[in-house]
Amino acid sequence: MAGSVNKVIIMGNLGKDPEIRNFPNGGKVCNFSVATSETWRDRNSGEKQERTQWHNISILSEPLVNIAERFLKKGSKVYLEGQLETRKWQDNSGADRYSTEIVLRPYKGEITLIDNKADNNFINETSTETKINQTTETNTNLTAEDFDDEIPF
């Protein structure tokens, strides 16, 4: 095999509030679960059927942990891109256990907040920045002569 890809994309709702843990070296990790559901109609009975899958999420990228900490809560709808990873660990009795989770690492993960509530909170917190950007844009008077039509490559 010449190469391989390990990428997971899901969109679903948080099953619980994110749990943030701090490392002694100053790093952070965020863990939560996301539910994805599919629905269909049974061919024989015509009844609506639904199947829900639960996915464990672990965020190791500090900027994404900060976003999760500020905006995510139980029930939030999110779009996530990460990698599938399986960890081996031992329980209290010494038996080997395995857990598979979706991990968002630095430069390899993405979170998109789908809920309007999260977007509104973000807009309220950055409204002063938006006002500053709008005033600087209106004060600059650009004409067509200010732009160079030549492409540099």
C-alpha atoms as a PDB file:
ATOM      1  CA  MET A   1       0.000   0.000   0.000  1.00  0.00           C
ATOM      2  CA  ALA A   2       1.454   3.341  -1.036  1.00  0.00           C
ATOM      3  CA  GLY A   3      -0.289   5.409   1.629  1.00  0.00           C
ATOM      4  CA  SER A   4      -3.160   5.443   4.050  1.00  0.00           C
ATOM      5  CA  VAL A   5      -5.747   7.812   5.459  1.00  0.00           C
ATOM      6  CA  ASN A   6      -7.209   7.935   8.953  1.00  0.00           C
ATOM      7  CA  LYS A   7      -9.939  10.585   8.951  1.00  0.00           C
ATOM      8  CA  VAL A   8     -13.295  10.621  10.704  1.00  0.00           C
ATOM      9  CA  ILE A   9     -16.052  13.150  10.019  1.00  0.00           C
ATOM     10  CA  ILE A  10     -19.168  13.246  12.181  1.00  0.00           C
ATOM     11  CA  MET A  11     -21.954  15.685  12.911  1.00  0.00           C
ATOM     12  CA  GLY A  12     -24.091  15.158  15.978  1.00  0.00           C
ATOM     13  CA  ASN A  13     -25.146  16.346  19.402  1.00  0.00           C
ATOM     14  CA  LEU A  14     -23.123  16.365  22.613  1.00  0.00           C
ATOM     15  CA  GLY A  15     -24.344  13.810  25.133  1.00  0.00           C
ATOM     16  CA  LYS A  16     -22.785  15.584  28.124  1.00  0.00           C
ATOM     17  CA  ASP A  17     -20.937  18.779  28.972  1.00  0.00           C
ATOM     18  CA  PRO A  18     -17.273  18.729  27.937  1.00  0.00           C
ATOM     19  CA  GLU A  19     -14.849  17.598  30.629  1.00  0.00           C
ATOM     20  CA  ILE A  20     -11.670  19.694  30.651  1.00  0.00           C
ATOM     21  CA  ARG A  21      -8.521  18.406  32.353  1.00  0.00           C
ATOM     22  CA  ASN A  22      -5.292  20.349  32.823  1.00  0.00           C
ATOM     23  CA  PHE A  23      -1.870  18.740  32.601  1.00  0.00           C
ATOM     24  CA  PRO A  24       0.957  19.677  34.991  1.00  0.00           C
ATOM     25  CA  ASN A  25       2.927  21.057  32.000  1.00  0.00           C
ATOM     26  CA  GLY A  26       0.118  23.538  31.236  1.00  0.00           C
ATOM     27  CA  GLY A  27      -1.585  21.614  28.413  1.00  0.00           C
ATOM     28  CA  LYS A  28      -5.283  20.765  28.309  1.00  0.00           C
ATOM     29  CA  VAL A  29      -7.434  17.902  27.090  1.00  0.00           C
ATOM     30  CA  CYS A  30     -11.194  17.899  26.493  1.00  0.00           C
ATOM     31  CA  ASN A  31     -13.413  14.797  26.487  1.00  0.00           C
ATOM     32  CA  PHE A  32     -17.093  14.406  25.643  1.00  0.00           C
ATOM     33  CA  SER A  33     -19.439  12.121  23.734  1.00  0.00           C
ATOM     34  CA  VAL A  34     -21.361  12.851  20.542  1.00  0.00           C
ATOM     35  CA  ALA A  35     -24.484  11.035  19.357  1.00  0.00           C
ATOM     36  CA  THR A  36     -25.141  10.466  15.663  1.00  0.00           C
ATOM     37  CA  SER A  37     -28.488   9.091  14.553  1.00  0.00           C
ATOM     38  CA  GLU A  38     -29.935   7.634  11.396  1.00  0.00           C
ATOM     39  CA  THR A  39     -33.643   7.144  10.689  1.00  0.00           C
ATOM     40  CA  TRP A  40     -35.511   5.062   8.153  1.00  0.00           C
ATOM     41  CA  ARG A  41     -38.919   3.513   7.528  1.00  0.00           C
ATOM     42  CA  ASP A  42     -39.290  -0.219   7.993  1.00  0.00           C
ATOM     43  CA  ARG A  43     -40.349  -1.804   4.687  1.00  0.00           C
ATOM     44  CA  ASN A  44     -42.681  -4.345   6.271  1.00  0.00           C
ATOM     45  CA  SER A  45     -44.417  -2.328   8.975  1.00  0.00           C
ATOM     46  CA  GLY A  46     -43.910   1.220   7.658  1.00  0.00           C
ATOM     47  CA  GLU A  47     -42.829   2.324  11.143  1.00  0.00           C
ATOM     48  CA  LYS A  48     -40.125   4.897  11.604  1.00  0.00           C
ATOM     49  CA  GLN A  49     -36.915   3.332  12.953  1.00  0.00           C
ATOM     50  CA  GLU A  50     -33.934   5.094  14.516  1.00  0.00           C
ATOM     51  CA  ARG A  51     -30.444   3.972  15.455  1.00  0.00           C
ATOM     52  CA  THR A  52     -28.113   6.106  17.592  1.00  0.00           C
ATOM     53  CA  GLN A  53     -24.362   5.624  17.825  1.00  0.00           C
ATOM     54  CA  TRP A  54     -22.276   7.196  20.589  1.00  0.00           C
ATOM     55  CA  HIS A  55     -18.756   8.408  19.823  1.00  0.00           C
ATOM     56  CA  ASN A  56     -16.128   9.302  22.417  1.00  0.00           C
ATOM     57  CA  ILE A  57     -14.255  12.480  21.480  1.00  0.00           C
ATOM     58  CA  SER A  58     -10.883  13.593  22.801  1.00  0.00           C
ATOM     59  CA  ILE A  59      -9.472  17.011  21.870  1.00  0.00           C
ATOM     60  CA  LEU A  60      -5.732  17.478  22.337  1.00  0.00           C
ATOM     61  CA  SER A  61      -5.341  20.724  20.369  1.00  0.00           C
ATOM     62  CA  GLU A  62      -5.302  23.568  22.908  1.00  0.00           C
ATOM     63  CA  PRO A  63      -7.038  26.163  20.665  1.00  0.00           C
ATOM     64  CA  LEU A  64      -9.846  23.675  19.995  1.00  0.00           C
ATOM     65  CA  VAL A  65     -10.038  22.820  23.715  1.00  0.00           C
ATOM     66  CA  ASN A  66     -10.531  26.533  24.425  1.00  0.00           C
ATOM     67  CA  ILE A  67     -13.386  26.693  21.883  1.00  0.00           C
ATOM     68  CA  ALA A  68     -15.008  23.580  23.359  1.00  0.00           C
ATOM     69  CA  GLU A  69     -14.640  24.958  26.879  1.00  0.00           C
ATOM     70  CA  ARG A  70     -16.273  28.276  25.975  1.00  0.00           C
ATOM     71  CA  PHE A  71     -19.066  27.252  23.610  1.00  0.00           C
ATOM     72  CA  LEU A  72     -19.970  23.561  23.900  1.00  0.00           C
ATOM     73  CA  LYS A  73     -22.509  22.112  26.316  1.00  0.00           C
ATOM     74  CA  LYS A  74     -24.813  19.133  26.504  1.00  0.00           C
ATOM     75  CA  GLY A  75     -27.092  19.096  23.445  1.00  0.00           C
ATOM     76  CA  SER A  76     -24.881  21.326  21.275  1.00  0.00           C
ATOM     77  CA  LYS A  77     -24.748  20.334  17.612  1.00  0.00           C
ATOM     78  CA  VAL A  78     -21.201  20.086  16.230  1.00  0.00           C
ATOM     79  CA  TYR A  79     -19.341  19.036  13.110  1.00  0.00           C
ATOM     80  CA  LEU A  80     -16.033  17.304  13.914  1.00  0.00           C
ATOM     81  CA  GLU A  81     -13.069  16.080  11.893  1.00  0.00           C
ATOM     82  CA  GLY A  82     -10.423  13.963  13.563  1.00  0.00           C
ATOM     83  CA  GLN A  83      -8.661  10.608  13.590  1.00  0.00           C
ATOM     84  CA  LEU A  84      -9.774   7.243  14.900  1.00  0.00           C
ATOM     85  CA  GLU A  85      -7.466   5.957  17.645  1.00  0.00           C
ATOM     86  CA  THR A  86      -7.574   2.926  19.922  1.00  0.00           C
ATOM     87  CA  ARG A  87      -5.872   3.009  23.327  1.00  0.00           C
ATOM     88  CA  LYS A  88      -4.902   0.030  25.453  1.00  0.00           C
ATOM     89  CA  TRP A  89      -5.162   0.407  29.227  1.00  0.00           C
ATOM     90  CA  GLN A  90      -5.562  -1.760  32.323  1.00  0.00           C
ATOM     91  CA  ASP A  91      -8.538  -1.695  34.650  1.00  0.00           C
ATOM     92  CA  ASN A  92      -8.375  -2.068  38.450  1.00  0.00           C
ATOM     93  CA  SER A  93      -8.175  -5.857  38.229  1.00  0.00           C
ATOM     94  CA  GLY A  94      -5.218  -5.655  35.823  1.00  0.00           C
ATOM     95  CA  ALA A  95      -7.160  -6.843  32.765  1.00  0.00           C
ATOM     96  CA  ASP A  96      -6.307  -5.248  29.417  1.00  0.00           C
ATOM     97  CA  ARG A  97      -9.016  -2.958  28.136  1.00  0.00           C
ATOM     98  CA  TYR A  98      -9.346  -1.050  24.875  1.00  0.00           C
ATOM     99  CA  SER A  99     -11.126   2.191  24.032  1.00  0.00           C
ATOM    100  CA  THR A 100     -11.633   3.625  20.583  1.00  0.00           C
ATOM    101  CA  GLU A 101     -12.230   7.341  20.228  1.00  0.00           C
ATOM    102  CA  ILE A 102     -12.120  10.179  17.741  1.00  0.00           C
ATOM    103  CA  VAL A 103      -9.087  12.341  18.514  1.00  0.00           C
ATOM    104  CA  LEU A 104      -8.603  15.931  17.366  1.00  0.00           C
ATOM    105  CA  ARG A 105      -4.872  16.658  17.433  1.00  0.00           C
ATOM    106  CA  PRO A 106      -3.097  19.918  16.645  1.00  0.00           C
ATOM    107  CA  TYR A 107      -3.272  20.666  12.892  1.00  0.00           C
ATOM    108  CA  LYS A 108      -5.313  17.478  12.315  1.00  0.00           C
ATOM    109  CA  GLY A 109      -8.658  18.359  13.844  1.00  0.00           C
ATOM    110  CA  GLU A 110     -11.570  20.666  13.175  1.00  0.00           C
ATOM    111  CA  ILE A 111     -14.672  21.780  15.089  1.00  0.00           C
ATOM    112  CA  THR A 112     -17.569  23.652  13.534  1.00  0.00           C
ATOM    113  CA  LEU A 113     -20.315  24.879  15.855  1.00  0.00           C
ATOM    114  CA  ILE A 114     -23.699  24.288  14.240  1.00  0.00           C
ATOM    115  CA  ASP A 115     -25.974  25.713  16.970  1.00  0.00           C
ATOM    116  CA  ASN A 116     -27.198  29.277  16.678  1.00  0.00           C
ATOM    117  CA  LYS A 117     -26.776  29.718  20.442  1.00  0.00           C
ATOM    118  CA  ALA A 118     -23.028  29.225  20.217  1.00  0.00           C
ATOM    119  CA  ASP A 119     -22.819  31.571  17.233  1.00  0.00           C
ATOM    120  CA  ASN A 120     -24.778  34.272  19.078  1.00  0.00           C
ATOM    121  CA  ASN A 121     -22.493  34.052  22.115  1.00  0.00           C
ATOM    122  CA  PHE A 122     -19.454  34.367  19.863  1.00  0.00           C
ATOM    123  CA  ILE A 123     -20.966  37.345  18.030  1.00  0.00           C
ATOM    124  CA  ASN A 124     -21.759  39.099  21.320  1.00  0.00           C
ATOM    125  CA  GLU A 125     -18.216  38.577  22.607  1.00  0.00           C
ATOM    126  CA  THR A 126     -16.583  39.796  19.387  1.00  0.00           C
ATOM    127  CA  SER A 127     -18.952  42.645  18.590  1.00  0.00           C
ATOM    128  CA  THR A 128     -16.344  45.243  19.573  1.00  0.00           C
ATOM    129  CA  GLU A 129     -13.832  43.670  17.194  1.00  0.00           C
ATOM    130  CA  THR A 130     -16.420  43.728  14.416  1.00  0.00           C
ATOM    131  CA  LYS A 131     -17.157  47.401  15.045  1.00  0.00           C
ATOM    132  CA  ILE A 132     -13.444  48.219  14.910  1.00  0.00           C
ATOM    133  CA  ASN A 133     -13.046  46.344  11.621  1.00  0.00           C
ATOM    134  CA  GLN A 134     -16.094  48.063  10.129  1.00  0.00           C
ATOM    135  CA  THR A 135     -14.810  51.538  11.031  1.00  0.00           C
ATOM    136  CA  THR A 136     -11.386  50.885   9.534  1.00  0.00           C
ATOM    137  CA  GLU A 137     -12.960  49.557   6.338  1.00  0.00           C
ATOM    138  CA  THR A 138     -15.168  52.608   5.884  1.00  0.00           C
ATOM    139  CA  ASN A 139     -12.271  55.006   6.447  1.00  0.00           C
ATOM    140  CA  THR A 140     -10.161  53.568   3.638  1.00  0.00           C
ATOM    141  CA  ASN A 141     -11.123  54.947   0.250  1.00  0.00           C
ATOM    142  CA  LEU A 142      -9.753  52.606  -2.398  1.00  0.00           C
ATOM    143  CA  THR A 143     -10.002  53.205  -6.114  1.00  0.00           C
ATOM    144  CA  ALA A 144      -9.428  50.877  -9.051  1.00  0.00           C
ATOM    145  CA  GLU A 145      -5.971  52.420  -9.535  1.00  0.00           C
ATOM    146  CA  ASP A 146      -4.924  51.110  -6.098  1.00  0.00           C
ATOM    147  CA  PHE A 147      -5.037  47.527  -7.329  1.00  0.00           C
ATOM    148  CA  ASP A 148      -2.388  46.021  -9.600  1.00  0.00           C
ATOM    149  CA  ASP A 149      -3.823  43.783 -12.318  1.00  0.00           C
ATOM    150  CA  GLU A 150      -0.641  41.794 -12.767  1.00  0.00           C
ATOM    151  CA  ILE A 151      -0.543  38.338 -11.263  1.00  0.00           C
ATOM    152  CA  PRO A 152       2.779  37.741  -9.471  1.00  0.00           C
ATOM    153  CA  PHE A 153       3.267  34.170 -10.711  1.00  0.00           C
END
